[in-house]
Amino acid sequence: MQPESQVRSGGGHLRFGTSGVPRNLIGGSHADGIAEVHRLGLQAMELAFVRQVNVSPSQAPEIRALAERLDVSLSAHASYYINFN
């Protein structure tokens, strides 16, 4: 069995994070959530686009830059939004 530090998934390290902005940030923005995920020592955050896409085209580059700077991987959950719109 490989040591934990060598376990990989899909060519990259397996990362753990939150589904959406961490709950301790009531009303926090995506940027706030990325910073909090990093502070907590996590490496990923899911953007929840369940009922709407709540990132504007002007916000997207800022969110991406912050996530890259803090080494936080982002994913999107948008199944209902995509299916119903």
Protein backbone atom coordinates (compact mmCIF):
# COMPACT_ATOMS: atom_id res chain seq x y z
CA MET A 1 0.00 0.00 0.00
CA GLN A 2 1.26 3.50 -0.87
CA PRO A 3 2.00 6.03 1.85
CA GLU A 4 -0.81 8.56 2.24
CA SER A 5 1.28 11.36 0.72
CA GLN A 6 1.52 9.41 -2.55
CA VAL A 7 -2.18 8.60 -3.03
CA ARG A 8 -3.38 10.18 -6.26
CA SER A 9 -6.67 10.45 -8.11
CA GLY A 10 -6.98 11.23 -11.81
CA GLY A 11 -3.36 12.28 -12.13
CA GLY A 12 -3.52 14.78 -9.24
CA HIS A 13 -3.72 14.75 -5.49
CA LEU A 14 -7.06 13.95 -3.90
CA ARG A 15 -8.35 17.21 -2.41
CA PHE A 16 -10.92 17.79 0.31
CA GLY A 17 -13.11 20.84 0.69
CA THR A 18 -16.57 22.19 1.28
CA SER A 19 -19.78 22.08 -0.68
CA GLY A 20 -20.35 25.79 -1.11
CA VAL A 21 -19.16 28.61 1.10
CA PRO A 22 -18.33 27.24 4.58
CA ARG A 23 -21.34 27.50 6.91
CA ASN A 24 -19.53 29.65 9.47
CA LEU A 25 -19.56 32.47 6.89
CA ILE A 26 -23.26 33.28 6.85
CA GLY A 27 -23.86 35.43 3.79
CA GLY A 28 -20.21 35.16 2.71
CA SER A 29 -19.19 35.60 -0.91
CA HIS A 30 -17.37 33.03 -3.03
CA ALA A 31 -14.13 34.93 -2.41
CA ASP A 32 -14.76 34.86 1.35
CA GLY A 33 -15.41 31.12 1.10
CA ILE A 34 -12.18 30.45 -0.80
CA ALA A 35 -10.18 32.37 1.80
CA GLU A 36 -11.92 30.49 4.64
CA VAL A 37 -11.38 27.09 2.99
CA HIS A 38 -7.68 27.94 2.74
CA ARG A 39 -7.59 29.13 6.38
CA LEU A 40 -9.15 25.83 7.46
CA GLY A 41 -6.41 23.90 5.67
CA LEU A 42 -8.72 22.49 3.00
CA GLN A 43 -7.85 22.43 -0.69
CA ALA A 44 -11.18 22.59 -2.57
CA MET A 45 -14.55 24.30 -2.68
CA GLU A 46 -17.66 23.56 -4.71
CA LEU A 47 -19.54 26.50 -6.20
CA ALA A 48 -23.24 25.76 -5.78
CA PHE A 49 -25.17 26.87 -8.86
CA VAL A 50 -28.28 24.94 -7.94
CA ARG A 51 -31.01 27.50 -8.65
CA GLN A 52 -28.96 30.15 -10.44
CA VAL A 53 -25.43 30.93 -11.58
CA ASN A 54 -24.47 33.47 -8.95
CA VAL A 55 -21.11 34.52 -10.38
CA SER A 56 -21.08 37.33 -12.93
CA PRO A 57 -18.67 37.35 -15.87
CA SER A 58 -16.82 40.24 -14.22
CA GLN A 59 -16.44 38.33 -10.91
CA ALA A 60 -15.21 35.07 -12.45
CA PRO A 61 -11.60 36.16 -13.16
CA GLU A 62 -11.24 37.53 -9.62
CA ILE A 63 -12.55 34.31 -8.09
CA ARG A 64 -10.27 32.22 -10.29
CA ALA A 65 -7.21 34.33 -9.46
CA LEU A 66 -7.85 34.06 -5.71
CA ALA A 67 -8.39 30.29 -5.91
CA GLU A 68 -5.18 29.86 -7.91
CA ARG A 69 -3.19 32.09 -5.54
CA LEU A 70 -4.42 30.13 -2.49
CA ASP A 71 -4.17 26.75 -4.31
CA VAL A 72 -7.87 25.97 -3.79
CA SER A 73 -9.46 23.83 -6.50
CA LEU A 74 -12.96 24.85 -7.56
CA SER A 75 -15.77 22.67 -8.87
CA ALA A 76 -19.36 23.50 -9.75
CA HIS A 77 -22.61 21.79 -8.78
CA ALA A 78 -25.24 22.92 -11.27
CA SER A 79 -27.39 19.93 -12.09
CA TYR A 80 -30.81 21.43 -11.27
CA TYR A 81 -30.01 24.78 -12.87
CA ILE A 82 -28.89 23.11 -16.08
CA ASN A 83 -31.87 20.73 -16.19
CA PHE A 84 -34.58 23.30 -15.53
CA ASN A 85 -33.34 26.24 -17.58
